[in-house]
Amino acid sequence: MNQPFASGNRPRILREIEKQQFDVLVIGGGITGAGIALDAQSRGMKTALVEMQDFAAGTSSRSTKLIHGGLRYLKQMEFKLVAEVGKERAIVYENAPHVTTPEWMLLPIIEGGTYGKFATSIGLRIYDALAGVRKNERRIMLSKAETLQKEPLLRTDKLKGGGYYVEYRTDDARLTIEVIKEAVRRGAQAVNYVMAEDLLYENGRVVGIVAVDLLSGEKHTIRAKKVVNAAGPWVDKIREKDGSRKGKRLHLTKGVHLVIDGKRFPLRQAVYFDTPDGRMVFAIPRDGKTYMGTTDTDYHGDIANPKMTVEDRDYILRAANFMFPTLALTAKDIESSWAGLRPLIHEDGKSPSELSRKDEIFISESGLLTIAGGKLTGYRKMAERIVDLVASRLKEEGAGSYSGCLTDKIPLSGGNIGGSANFESFVQSQVKRGIASGLSAEASENLARRYGTNVERIYTIIRERGEEAAVSGLPKDVLGSLVYAMEEEMAAMPEDYFVRRTGALYFDINWVRQWKEPVTTYMARVLGWSEQEMWRHRERLEQLIKDATVPQISAVPRHA
């Protein structure tokens, strides 16, 4: 069986990639690189993508997990950015309703806060207009009593009222993986754990890369007419290899989020609120938990492993206790956390929170194309801009003519259910099928919501290989999602499954503790790991659990 996105087939896929010349080679498998691969492949360009870590392992699994319209950018007068990302939300929702959910957001108006009642009303009205918000999702202004009815945990002493508007919640890692899967389904080649070690040149022009498979140590030469550097926080590292890191450069800032059980923090309603130092943070209910964030501090550490510090933790706890004082949250209440980096474009004299979230394209003398900055919400438009540039350059060089962008109308993998309006009825129909496959209603619903139309493949795995569940010590739903992650989503390590294919390390860390050993043992058997490799994967998973739960002690960061 040909499985072009199975972890067990990585060596064969790499050998195939090495035999070809591609129109486009993308370095980076976060949301930006994924979007570029889908856009280029859907226009008919032969496309390959390599990712040094797992897909979405950097910024694209560590965001606030919102496809949001960027209300804060109104404050920075970035009207065009608000208009663009606002409209993009609706496109992402229609094309992937299984990984995107409308979420009403409450903006409490606090005496002396960032937004007064008049400014909030006008700001949200402008936001609705710029973002093209649907009629039934336009902002509503609330009295103090109405605001407290929506969220009784809010502080009452300085509360004046609230604004009520719609954001969109997403699973950022799964969104990234669904984009890549759709690109692969259309013929793109994509491989994780492959590092661009060197760039290849002919006559001073970049024509490919020397790539190292970090799982086997083998080197591969990958050739392409155009190389796109979409490596997120690592883009300047690639530009340094090219000798073209001049002028503008990246400015990395770190954002941390905390996760608390919903019984301890029973938030009814997503809230976007002021902190005592004038910044704003989110508190969002999700899957029986409440998560809060984010911080915004300059970062100069290990790009691959940003971590929560004691100061980050205490900053968010202070903010939560300022707005929800009856909770009296402490460090003991935190179940999990994550830390991610924002690859922003540096501007002299600006604090982290003042830096623009706009993306920029850099073109080097060698022809290397780099895209940096930007936001999760705007990934599709970022891809469109750079693929337009690739298409025009290929045409100039006589290497083919390509159509304009098609991705606004392409349902992502798992999202082909005829639009968001059909999603709830789709889920209910799949729950019945899951129950018929021997699953509980809860497990069936969780799978249908996470995988969309791809849940049918998981049900098939459960029906055909259900006996493996008992042998491996895994429940049927866990076995089905694990096999699917390995065979259809290139999950090559236990952490790929627990962190990015399920999000469980963040939102159900006790579930990770419960199933880490049987999952590791199953993967070891299927992928043929040695005892030493098994030990290494166990150690890595233990380290990730520790990083999510135990803060580092460091110098006090500057929150901006």
Protein backbone atom coordinates (compact mmCIF):
# COMPACT_ATOMS: atom_id res chain seq x y z
CA MET A 1 0.00 0.00 0.00
CA ASN A 2 1.46 3.35 -1.05
CA GLN A 3 1.36 5.69 1.91
CA PRO A 4 2.97 8.98 0.84
CA PHE A 5 2.74 10.42 4.36
CA ALA A 6 3.60 7.44 6.59
CA SER A 7 6.47 7.64 9.08
CA GLY A 8 7.54 4.11 8.13
CA ASN A 9 7.98 5.25 4.51
CA ARG A 10 10.24 8.24 5.23
CA PRO A 11 13.44 6.60 3.81
CA ARG A 12 11.65 5.63 0.57
CA ILE A 13 10.06 9.08 0.23
CA LEU A 14 13.48 10.74 0.66
CA ARG A 15 15.02 8.48 -2.01
CA GLU A 16 12.19 9.44 -4.37
CA ILE A 17 12.67 13.14 -3.63
CA GLU A 18 16.38 12.87 -4.39
CA LYS A 19 15.69 11.53 -7.91
CA GLN A 20 13.62 14.53 -8.97
CA GLN A 21 13.96 18.23 -9.66
CA PHE A 22 11.18 20.30 -8.13
CA ASP A 23 9.74 23.60 -9.21
CA VAL A 24 9.60 24.70 -5.55
CA LEU A 25 11.40 23.45 -2.46
CA VAL A 26 10.07 24.82 0.84
CA ILE A 27 12.32 24.86 3.91
CA GLY A 28 10.07 24.83 6.97
CA GLY A 29 7.00 22.78 7.92
CA GLY A 30 5.16 25.24 10.11
CA ILE A 31 1.90 26.87 9.00
CA THR A 32 3.68 29.25 6.59
CA GLY A 33 5.62 26.50 4.81
CA ALA A 34 2.55 24.25 4.79
CA GLY A 35 0.47 27.00 3.18
CA ILE A 36 3.14 27.61 0.53
CA ALA A 37 3.35 23.89 -0.31
CA LEU A 38 -0.43 23.62 -0.76
CA ASP A 39 -0.68 26.82 -2.80
CA ALA A 40 2.23 25.91 -5.10
CA GLN A 41 1.16 22.29 -5.61
CA SER A 42 -2.47 23.24 -6.26
CA ARG A 43 -1.32 25.58 -9.05
CA GLY A 44 0.59 22.73 -10.71
CA MET A 45 4.09 23.40 -9.41
CA LYS A 46 6.01 20.26 -8.45
CA THR A 47 6.61 20.93 -4.75
CA ALA A 48 8.70 19.44 -1.93
CA LEU A 49 8.87 20.48 1.73
CA VAL A 50 11.38 19.60 4.46
CA GLU A 51 11.05 20.30 8.18
CA MET A 52 13.97 20.04 10.62
CA GLN A 53 11.75 19.06 13.57
CA ASP A 54 8.25 17.64 13.39
CA PHE A 55 5.65 19.53 11.37
CA ALA A 56 4.32 22.50 13.41
CA ALA A 57 6.85 21.79 16.21
CA GLY A 58 7.97 25.42 16.43
CA THR A 59 5.71 28.47 16.57
CA SER A 60 2.83 26.69 14.82
CA SER A 61 1.97 24.47 17.80
CA ARG A 62 2.68 27.10 20.46
CA SER A 63 0.37 30.00 19.60
CA THR A 64 -2.69 31.30 21.48
CA LYS A 65 -4.63 28.91 19.21
CA LEU A 66 -6.88 31.61 17.80
CA ILE A 67 -7.63 32.41 14.17
CA HIS A 68 -8.31 35.95 15.28
CA GLY A 69 -9.02 39.21 13.57
CA GLY A 70 -6.41 41.11 15.52
CA LEU A 71 -8.42 43.65 17.50
CA ARG A 72 -5.16 44.89 19.06
CA TYR A 73 -3.91 45.94 15.60
CA LEU A 74 -6.59 48.62 15.44
CA LYS A 75 -4.75 50.26 18.33
CA GLN A 76 -1.60 50.24 16.17
CA MET A 77 -3.60 51.69 13.23
CA GLU A 78 -2.86 48.62 11.08
CA PHE A 79 -6.23 48.70 9.31
CA LYS A 80 -5.13 46.69 6.28
CA LEU A 81 -3.87 43.87 8.52
CA VAL A 82 -7.17 43.78 10.44
CA ALA A 83 -9.14 43.67 7.18
CA GLU A 84 -7.02 40.89 5.72
CA VAL A 85 -6.87 38.57 8.71
CA GLY A 86 -10.53 39.19 9.53
CA LYS A 87 -11.61 37.97 6.11
CA GLU A 88 -9.17 35.05 6.29
CA ARG A 89 -10.91 33.71 9.42
CA ALA A 90 -14.07 32.99 7.44
CA ILE A 91 -12.11 31.20 4.69
CA VAL A 92 -10.25 28.98 7.17
CA TYR A 93 -13.51 28.17 8.95
CA GLU A 94 -15.31 27.15 5.75
CA ASN A 95 -12.38 25.06 4.52
CA ALA A 96 -11.59 23.38 7.84
CA PRO A 97 -14.53 23.51 10.28
CA HIS A 98 -13.11 20.50 12.17
CA VAL A 99 -10.10 22.52 13.34
CA THR A 100 -11.76 25.95 13.62
CA THR A 101 -14.61 26.98 15.95
CA PRO A 102 -16.32 30.39 16.38
CA GLU A 103 -15.75 31.58 19.94
CA TRP A 104 -17.59 34.57 21.39
CA MET A 105 -15.08 36.75 23.21
CA LEU A 106 -15.89 39.06 26.12
CA LEU A 107 -13.93 42.30 26.42
CA PRO A 108 -14.56 43.65 29.96
CA ILE A 109 -14.50 47.44 30.20
CA ILE A 110 -12.58 48.32 33.36
CA GLU A 111 -12.23 51.74 34.92
CA GLY A 112 -8.80 53.06 33.89
CA GLY A 113 -8.34 50.14 31.47
CA THR A 114 -7.04 50.02 27.89
CA TYR A 115 -10.46 50.40 26.28
CA GLY A 116 -13.22 52.72 27.54
CA LYS A 117 -16.87 52.13 26.67
CA PHE A 118 -16.96 54.57 23.75
CA ALA A 119 -13.59 53.42 22.34
CA THR A 120 -14.64 49.77 22.66
CA SER A 121 -17.94 50.37 20.89
CA ILE A 122 -16.34 52.32 18.03
CA GLY A 123 -13.34 49.97 17.85
CA LEU A 124 -15.47 46.85 17.61
CA ARG A 125 -17.75 48.49 15.03
CA ILE A 126 -14.72 49.37 12.87
CA TYR A 127 -13.40 45.85 13.44
CA ASP A 128 -16.70 44.33 12.22
CA ALA A 129 -16.62 46.52 9.11
CA LEU A 130 -12.95 45.95 8.24
CA ALA A 131 -13.05 42.22 8.94
CA GLY A 132 -16.26 41.62 7.00
CA VAL A 133 -17.87 39.99 10.04
CA ARG A 134 -21.08 38.03 9.39
CA LYS A 135 -24.29 39.72 10.52
CA ASN A 136 -25.00 37.19 13.29
CA GLU A 137 -21.45 37.58 14.65
CA ARG A 138 -21.28 41.38 14.92
CA ARG A 139 -20.35 43.00 18.19
CA ILE A 140 -22.80 43.58 21.01
CA MET A 141 -22.25 46.11 23.80
CA LEU A 142 -23.18 44.87 27.30
CA SER A 143 -24.09 46.58 30.57
CA LYS A 144 -22.25 45.68 33.78
CA ALA A 145 -25.02 43.26 34.78
CA GLU A 146 -25.05 41.62 31.32
CA THR A 147 -21.26 41.32 31.39
CA LEU A 148 -21.36 39.56 34.77
CA GLN A 149 -24.13 37.30 33.54
CA LYS A 150 -21.81 36.16 30.74
CA GLU A 151 -18.88 35.69 33.13
CA PRO A 152 -19.58 35.81 36.89
CA LEU A 153 -15.89 35.34 37.81
CA LEU A 154 -14.95 38.85 36.64
CA ARG A 155 -13.98 41.46 39.22
CA THR A 156 -16.95 43.68 40.01
CA ASP A 157 -15.41 46.75 41.64
CA LYS A 158 -14.08 48.51 38.53
CA LEU A 159 -16.29 46.85 35.90
CA LYS A 160 -18.26 49.26 33.67
CA GLY A 161 -19.64 46.85 31.08
CA GLY A 162 -18.30 44.83 28.18
CA GLY A 163 -17.94 44.32 24.47
CA TYR A 164 -18.96 40.96 23.01
CA TYR A 165 -17.52 39.89 19.68
CA VAL A 166 -16.49 36.74 17.79
CA GLU A 167 -13.04 35.24 17.47
CA TYR A 168 -12.21 31.78 16.09
CA ARG A 169 -10.50 29.12 18.17
CA THR A 170 -8.27 26.59 16.40
CA ASP A 171 -5.93 23.68 16.97
CA ASP A 172 -2.87 25.31 15.42
CA ALA A 173 -0.79 22.12 15.05
CA ARG A 174 -3.64 20.13 13.53
CA LEU A 175 -4.47 23.01 11.16
CA THR A 176 -0.84 22.93 9.96
CA ILE A 177 -0.88 19.15 9.50
CA GLU A 178 -4.21 19.22 7.62
CA VAL A 179 -2.76 21.83 5.22
CA ILE A 180 0.31 19.66 4.58
CA LYS A 181 -1.81 16.52 4.16
CA GLU A 182 -3.92 18.28 1.53
CA ALA A 183 -0.73 19.34 -0.30
CA VAL A 184 0.56 15.73 -0.14
CA ARG A 185 -2.79 14.39 -1.37
CA ARG A 186 -2.38 16.65 -4.40
CA GLY A 187 1.12 15.31 -5.13
CA ALA A 188 3.53 17.35 -2.99
CA GLN A 189 6.33 15.53 -1.15
CA ALA A 190 6.82 16.45 2.53
CA VAL A 191 9.18 15.00 5.15
CA ASN A 192 9.78 15.84 8.81
CA TYR A 193 13.05 15.56 10.75
CA VAL A 194 15.05 16.60 7.68
CA MET A 195 17.45 19.54 8.11
CA ALA A 196 18.71 21.82 5.36
CA GLU A 197 22.42 21.52 6.19
CA ASP A 198 23.76 23.44 3.17
CA LEU A 199 22.44 25.28 0.14
CA LEU A 200 23.43 24.12 -3.37
CA TYR A 201 24.54 26.66 -5.96
CA GLU A 202 25.20 26.72 -9.70
CA ASN A 203 26.60 29.89 -11.28
CA GLY A 204 25.86 31.79 -8.08
CA ARG A 205 22.19 30.76 -8.04
CA VAL A 206 20.63 28.57 -5.37
CA VAL A 207 19.41 25.30 -6.94
CA GLY A 208 18.63 23.12 -3.94
CA ILE A 209 19.90 21.88 -0.60
CA VAL A 210 22.00 19.20 1.02
CA ALA A 211 19.57 17.71 3.53
CA VAL A 212 20.26 15.46 6.51
CA ASP A 213 17.69 12.93 7.73
CA LEU A 214 18.04 13.51 11.46
CA LEU A 215 16.54 10.08 12.25
CA SER A 216 18.97 8.03 10.14
CA GLY A 217 21.89 10.43 9.66
CA GLU A 218 21.76 9.94 5.88
CA LYS A 219 22.36 12.89 3.56
CA HIS A 220 20.25 13.66 0.52
CA THR A 221 20.57 16.20 -2.28
CA ILE A 222 17.27 17.89 -3.15
CA ARG A 223 17.17 20.07 -6.27
CA ALA A 224 14.63 22.74 -7.18
CA LYS A 225 14.22 25.70 -9.52
CA LYS A 226 13.14 27.90 -6.60
CA VAL A 227 13.99 27.53 -2.92
CA VAL A 228 11.70 29.22 -0.39
CA ASN A 229 12.95 29.80 3.15
CA ALA A 230 9.90 29.64 5.44
CA ALA A 231 11.73 28.42 8.53
CA GLY A 232 9.98 30.69 11.06
CA PRO A 233 12.35 31.52 13.95
CA TRP A 234 15.19 29.93 11.94
CA VAL A 235 14.87 32.02 8.74
CA ASP A 236 17.93 34.10 9.60
CA LYS A 237 19.97 30.90 10.07
CA ILE A 238 19.16 29.95 6.46
CA ARG A 239 19.90 33.49 5.28
CA GLU A 240 23.29 33.24 7.02
CA LYS A 241 24.06 30.05 5.05
CA ASP A 242 23.22 32.06 1.92
CA GLY A 243 25.34 35.03 3.01
CA SER A 244 22.29 37.27 2.65
CA ARG A 245 21.37 38.17 6.23
CA LYS A 246 21.54 41.90 5.65
CA GLY A 247 19.31 44.83 6.52
CA LYS A 248 16.17 43.74 8.34
CA ARG A 249 16.47 40.79 10.69
CA LEU A 250 14.31 38.69 12.98
CA HIS A 251 13.38 39.81 16.47
CA LEU A 252 12.28 36.81 18.53
CA THR A 253 9.83 37.29 21.37
CA LYS A 254 8.48 34.59 23.66
CA GLY A 255 4.87 33.93 24.59
CA VAL A 256 3.84 31.59 27.41
CA HIS A 257 0.43 30.04 28.15
CA LEU A 258 -0.77 28.25 31.29
CA VAL A 259 -3.42 25.50 31.48
CA ILE A 260 -5.66 25.03 34.56
CA ASP A 261 -8.39 22.45 35.09
CA GLY A 262 -11.89 23.77 34.47
CA LYS A 263 -13.07 22.66 37.91
CA ARG A 264 -10.51 25.00 39.49
CA PHE A 265 -11.04 27.80 36.94
CA PRO A 266 -14.66 27.33 35.75
CA LEU A 267 -14.57 29.98 33.03
CA ARG A 268 -17.87 30.10 31.15
CA GLN A 269 -16.77 32.48 28.50
CA ALA A 270 -13.55 33.38 26.62
CA VAL A 271 -12.27 36.74 27.92
CA TYR A 272 -9.74 39.23 26.50
CA PHE A 273 -8.70 41.42 29.39
CA ASP A 274 -6.35 44.08 30.77
CA THR A 275 -3.34 43.26 32.91
CA PRO A 276 -2.11 45.62 35.65
CA ASP A 277 0.79 46.75 33.40
CA GLY A 278 -1.50 47.73 30.51
CA ARG A 279 -1.02 44.69 28.26
CA MET A 280 -3.91 42.43 27.38
CA VAL A 281 -4.19 38.66 27.69
CA PHE A 282 -6.69 35.92 26.89
CA ALA A 283 -8.40 33.36 29.12
CA ILE A 284 -10.13 30.68 27.04
CA PRO A 285 -12.13 27.57 28.02
CA ARG A 286 -11.25 24.47 26.00
CA ASP A 287 -12.00 20.77 26.49
CA GLY A 288 -12.66 21.01 30.21
CA LYS A 289 -9.64 23.23 30.83
CA THR A 290 -8.99 26.98 30.90
CA TYR A 291 -5.84 28.32 29.29
CA MET A 292 -4.39 31.81 29.71
CA GLY A 293 -1.77 33.85 27.89
CA THR A 294 0.29 35.30 26.66
CA THR A 295 3.51 36.97 27.70
CA ASP A 296 5.60 39.05 25.29
CA THR A 297 9.30 39.19 26.17
CA ASP A 298 12.51 39.45 24.16
CA TYR A 299 14.13 36.05 23.62
CA HIS A 300 17.77 35.12 23.05
CA GLY A 301 17.88 31.45 24.15
CA ASP A 302 17.66 28.05 22.45
CA ILE A 303 15.24 28.52 19.55
CA ALA A 304 14.13 24.88 19.55
CA ASN A 305 13.31 24.74 23.27
CA PRO A 306 11.77 27.91 24.70
CA LYS A 307 10.47 27.26 28.21
CA MET A 308 8.20 28.78 30.81
CA THR A 309 10.09 30.58 33.56
CA VAL A 310 8.95 31.32 37.12
CA GLU A 311 8.56 34.97 36.08
CA ASP A 312 6.38 34.04 33.07
CA ARG A 313 4.19 31.86 35.28
CA ASP A 314 3.82 34.46 38.00
CA TYR A 315 3.06 37.23 35.50
CA ILE A 316 0.10 35.31 34.04
CA LEU A 317 -1.14 34.26 37.48
CA ARG A 318 -1.04 37.90 38.64
CA ALA A 319 -3.02 38.93 35.56
CA ALA A 320 -5.62 36.20 36.17
CA ASN A 321 -5.99 37.07 39.84
CA PHE A 322 -6.31 40.76 38.95
CA MET A 323 -9.31 40.08 36.67
CA PHE A 324 -10.75 37.02 38.50
CA PRO A 325 -9.88 37.83 42.14
CA THR A 326 -12.17 35.28 43.82
CA LEU A 327 -10.17 32.40 42.29
CA ALA A 328 -6.91 33.12 44.16
CA LEU A 329 -4.98 30.96 41.70
CA THR A 330 -1.51 29.72 42.70
CA ALA A 331 1.32 27.85 40.98
CA LYS A 332 -0.08 24.57 42.34
CA ASP A 333 -3.17 25.00 40.14
CA ILE A 334 -1.21 24.83 36.87
CA GLU A 335 -1.54 21.49 35.08
CA SER A 336 0.51 22.27 31.99
CA SER A 337 2.00 25.10 29.94
CA TRP A 338 3.65 25.89 26.65
CA ALA A 339 6.13 28.49 25.43
CA GLY A 340 6.47 29.63 21.82
CA LEU A 341 8.45 32.16 19.82
CA ARG A 342 7.15 34.92 17.56
CA PRO A 343 9.49 35.56 14.62
CA LEU A 344 8.88 39.30 14.22
CA ILE A 345 10.72 41.77 12.01
CA HIS A 346 13.09 43.90 14.11
CA GLU A 347 12.48 47.63 14.34
CA ASP A 348 14.88 49.79 16.33
CA GLY A 349 13.46 51.39 19.47
CA LYS A 350 10.26 49.32 19.59
CA SER A 351 9.25 47.08 22.48
CA PRO A 352 8.10 43.49 21.75
CA SER A 353 4.38 44.37 21.90
CA GLU A 354 4.86 47.33 19.53
CA LEU A 355 6.52 45.32 16.76
CA SER A 356 4.41 44.77 13.67
CA ARG A 357 3.00 41.29 12.99
CA LYS A 358 3.14 41.93 9.23
CA ASP A 359 5.06 39.50 7.04
CA GLU A 360 7.87 40.48 4.68
CA ILE A 361 9.57 38.81 1.72
CA PHE A 362 13.34 39.03 1.20
CA ILE A 363 14.96 38.16 -2.16
CA SER A 364 18.69 37.42 -2.06
CA GLU A 365 21.19 37.80 -4.93
CA SER A 366 21.32 33.99 -5.20
CA GLY A 367 17.57 33.84 -5.78
CA LEU A 368 16.76 32.46 -2.32
CA LEU A 369 13.26 33.64 -1.37
CA THR A 370 12.59 34.19 2.33
CA ILE A 371 9.28 34.97 4.01
CA ALA A 372 9.29 36.07 7.65
CA GLY A 373 6.96 37.56 10.24
CA GLY A 374 3.21 37.27 9.86
CA LYS A 375 0.49 35.56 11.85
CA LEU A 376 -1.20 32.17 11.97
CA THR A 377 -4.45 33.75 10.74
CA GLY A 378 -2.82 35.21 7.64
CA TYR A 379 -0.93 32.08 6.56
CA ARG A 380 -2.93 31.57 3.34
CA LYS A 381 -2.40 35.14 2.11
CA MET A 382 1.29 34.96 3.00
CA ALA A 383 1.56 31.81 0.90
CA GLU A 384 -0.34 33.46 -1.95
CA ARG A 385 2.06 36.41 -2.03
CA ILE A 386 5.22 34.34 -2.18
CA VAL A 387 3.83 31.75 -4.60
CA ASP A 388 2.72 34.59 -6.91
CA LEU A 389 6.35 35.73 -6.85
CA VAL A 390 7.63 32.19 -7.55
CA ALA A 391 5.14 31.83 -10.42
CA SER A 392 6.18 35.10 -12.04
CA ARG A 393 9.89 34.20 -11.78
CA LEU A 394 9.36 30.73 -13.24
CA LYS A 395 7.37 32.27 -16.10
CA GLU A 396 10.14 34.84 -16.76
CA GLU A 397 12.64 31.98 -16.94
CA GLY A 398 10.49 30.01 -19.37
CA ALA A 399 9.76 27.33 -16.79
CA GLY A 400 5.99 27.23 -17.15
CA SER A 401 2.93 29.39 -16.66
CA TYR A 402 0.72 28.97 -13.62
CA SER A 403 -2.73 30.05 -12.49
CA GLY A 404 -3.50 32.42 -9.66
CA CYS A 405 -4.14 31.27 -6.09
CA LEU A 406 -6.85 28.62 -5.63
CA THR A 407 -6.60 27.89 -1.91
CA ASP A 408 -9.52 30.05 -0.78
CA LYS A 409 -11.79 27.38 -2.29
CA ILE A 410 -9.82 24.25 -1.31
CA PRO A 411 -11.18 22.32 1.69
CA LEU A 412 -8.31 21.09 3.83
CA SER A 413 -7.78 17.43 4.60
CA GLY A 414 -10.70 16.31 6.79
CA GLY A 415 -12.69 19.46 6.02
CA ASN A 416 -14.65 18.42 2.94
CA ILE A 417 -18.11 18.37 4.48
CA GLY A 418 -19.77 20.98 2.30
CA GLY A 419 -19.10 23.98 4.54
CA SER A 420 -19.22 24.88 8.21
CA ALA A 421 -23.04 24.81 8.37
CA ASN A 422 -22.98 21.01 7.97
CA PHE A 423 -20.39 20.30 10.64
CA GLU A 424 -22.61 19.58 13.65
CA SER A 425 -24.88 17.20 11.72
CA PHE A 426 -21.74 15.51 10.31
CA VAL A 427 -20.39 14.98 13.84
CA GLN A 428 -23.65 13.44 15.04
CA SER A 429 -23.75 11.03 12.10
CA GLN A 430 -20.14 9.99 12.80
CA VAL A 431 -20.89 9.42 16.50
CA LYS A 432 -23.41 6.75 15.46
CA ARG A 433 -20.80 5.10 13.21
CA GLY A 434 -18.24 5.21 16.01
CA ILE A 435 -20.64 3.52 18.43
CA ALA A 436 -21.23 0.84 15.77
CA SER A 437 -17.43 0.31 15.69
CA GLY A 438 -17.44 -0.41 19.42
CA LEU A 439 -16.50 3.04 20.73
CA SER A 440 -18.24 5.15 23.36
CA ALA A 441 -20.28 8.17 22.25
CA GLU A 442 -17.72 10.49 23.90
CA ALA A 443 -14.73 8.88 22.16
CA SER A 444 -16.57 8.90 18.82
CA GLU A 445 -17.44 12.58 19.14
CA ASN A 446 -13.86 13.51 20.12
CA LEU A 447 -12.50 11.67 17.06
CA ALA A 448 -15.08 13.17 14.68
CA ARG A 449 -14.37 16.71 15.88
CA ARG A 450 -10.61 16.27 15.71
CA TYR A 451 -10.31 14.47 12.36
CA GLY A 452 -13.35 15.62 10.39
CA THR A 453 -14.02 13.40 7.36
CA ASN A 454 -10.76 11.51 8.01
CA VAL A 455 -12.46 9.90 11.02
CA GLU A 456 -13.81 7.27 8.61
CA ARG A 457 -10.25 6.03 8.07
CA ILE A 458 -9.80 5.74 11.85
CA TYR A 459 -13.02 3.72 12.14
CA THR A 460 -11.72 1.41 9.39
CA ILE A 461 -8.43 0.94 11.29
CA ILE A 462 -10.40 0.10 14.45
CA ARG A 463 -12.61 -2.42 12.61
CA GLU A 464 -9.74 -4.10 10.77
CA ARG A 465 -7.14 -4.03 13.53
CA GLY A 466 -9.14 -3.76 16.70
CA GLU A 467 -7.59 -6.94 18.10
CA GLU A 468 -4.24 -5.12 18.23
CA ALA A 469 -5.73 -2.82 20.87
CA ALA A 470 -6.01 -5.57 23.47
CA VAL A 471 -2.54 -6.94 22.67
CA SER A 472 -0.91 -3.51 22.87
CA GLY A 473 -2.78 -2.43 26.00
CA LEU A 474 -4.37 0.53 24.23
CA PRO A 475 -8.08 1.46 24.02
CA LYS A 476 -9.51 1.21 20.50
CA ASP A 477 -9.84 4.96 20.03
CA VAL A 478 -6.20 5.52 21.09
CA LEU A 479 -4.96 2.73 18.82
CA GLY A 480 -7.00 4.08 15.88
CA SER A 481 -5.68 7.63 16.27
CA LEU A 482 -2.10 6.40 16.83
CA VAL A 483 -2.05 4.16 13.74
CA TYR A 484 -3.62 6.98 11.72
CA ALA A 485 -0.98 9.45 13.00
CA MET A 486 1.81 7.07 11.96
CA GLU A 487 0.37 5.99 8.59
CA GLU A 488 -1.32 9.18 7.42
CA GLU A 489 0.37 12.03 9.36
CA MET A 490 4.06 10.96 9.51
CA ALA A 491 4.16 10.81 13.33
CA ALA A 492 7.68 9.44 13.84
CA MET A 493 8.05 9.78 17.62
CA PRO A 494 5.77 9.51 20.67
CA GLU A 495 6.05 13.29 21.17
CA ASP A 496 4.65 13.88 17.66
CA TYR A 497 1.52 11.99 18.69
CA PHE A 498 1.13 13.38 22.22
CA VAL A 499 2.00 17.02 21.47
CA ARG A 500 1.00 17.83 17.89
CA ARG A 501 -1.39 15.11 16.62
CA THR A 502 -3.58 15.19 19.75
CA GLY A 503 -2.55 18.29 21.81
CA ALA A 504 -2.75 16.09 24.88
CA LEU A 505 0.52 17.25 26.49
CA TYR A 506 -1.13 20.66 26.95
CA PHE A 507 -4.79 19.85 27.48
CA ASP A 508 -4.79 16.36 29.03
CA ILE A 509 -1.35 15.77 30.50
CA ASN A 510 -2.56 12.95 32.78
CA TRP A 511 -3.75 11.10 29.66
CA VAL A 512 -0.17 11.39 28.34
CA ARG A 513 1.16 9.93 31.59
CA GLN A 514 -1.39 7.11 31.36
CA TRP A 515 -0.64 6.02 27.78
CA LYS A 516 2.99 7.07 27.16
CA GLU A 517 4.44 3.60 27.79
CA PRO A 518 2.07 1.50 25.62
CA VAL A 519 2.22 4.13 22.83
CA THR A 520 6.04 4.13 22.88
CA THR A 521 6.13 0.31 22.91
CA TYR A 522 3.69 0.10 19.98
CA MET A 523 5.64 2.62 17.90
CA ALA A 524 8.91 0.83 18.70
CA ARG A 525 7.53 -2.47 17.44
CA VAL A 526 6.08 -1.03 14.22
CA LEU A 527 9.06 1.22 13.40
CA GLY A 528 11.72 -1.27 14.52
CA TRP A 529 13.43 0.79 17.21
CA SER A 530 16.34 -0.58 19.22
CA GLU A 531 16.28 -0.59 23.03
CA GLN A 532 18.52 2.48 22.94
CA GLU A 533 16.13 4.34 20.62
CA MET A 534 13.18 3.42 22.85
CA TRP A 535 15.04 4.73 25.87
CA ARG A 536 15.82 7.98 24.03
CA HIS A 537 12.15 8.51 23.10
CA ARG A 538 11.06 7.82 26.69
CA GLU A 539 13.61 10.32 28.00
CA ARG A 540 12.48 12.96 25.51
CA LEU A 541 8.82 12.54 26.50
CA GLU A 542 9.71 12.80 30.20
CA GLN A 543 11.64 16.00 29.46
CA LEU A 544 8.66 17.50 27.62
CA ILE A 545 6.35 16.67 30.54
CA LYS A 546 8.83 18.32 32.90
CA ASP A 547 9.14 21.42 30.66
CA ALA A 548 5.34 21.77 30.60
CA THR A 549 5.01 21.51 34.38
CA VAL A 550 8.22 22.79 36.03
CA PRO A 551 9.25 26.40 35.31
CA GLN A 552 12.83 27.50 34.79
CA ILE A 553 14.40 30.07 37.08
CA SER A 554 15.81 32.97 35.08
CA ALA A 555 16.38 36.70 35.08
CA VAL A 556 13.23 38.80 35.23
CA PRO A 557 11.96 39.36 31.66
CA ARG A 558 10.73 42.69 30.37
CA HIS A 559 7.03 42.45 29.56
CA ALA A 560 6.02 44.95 26.97
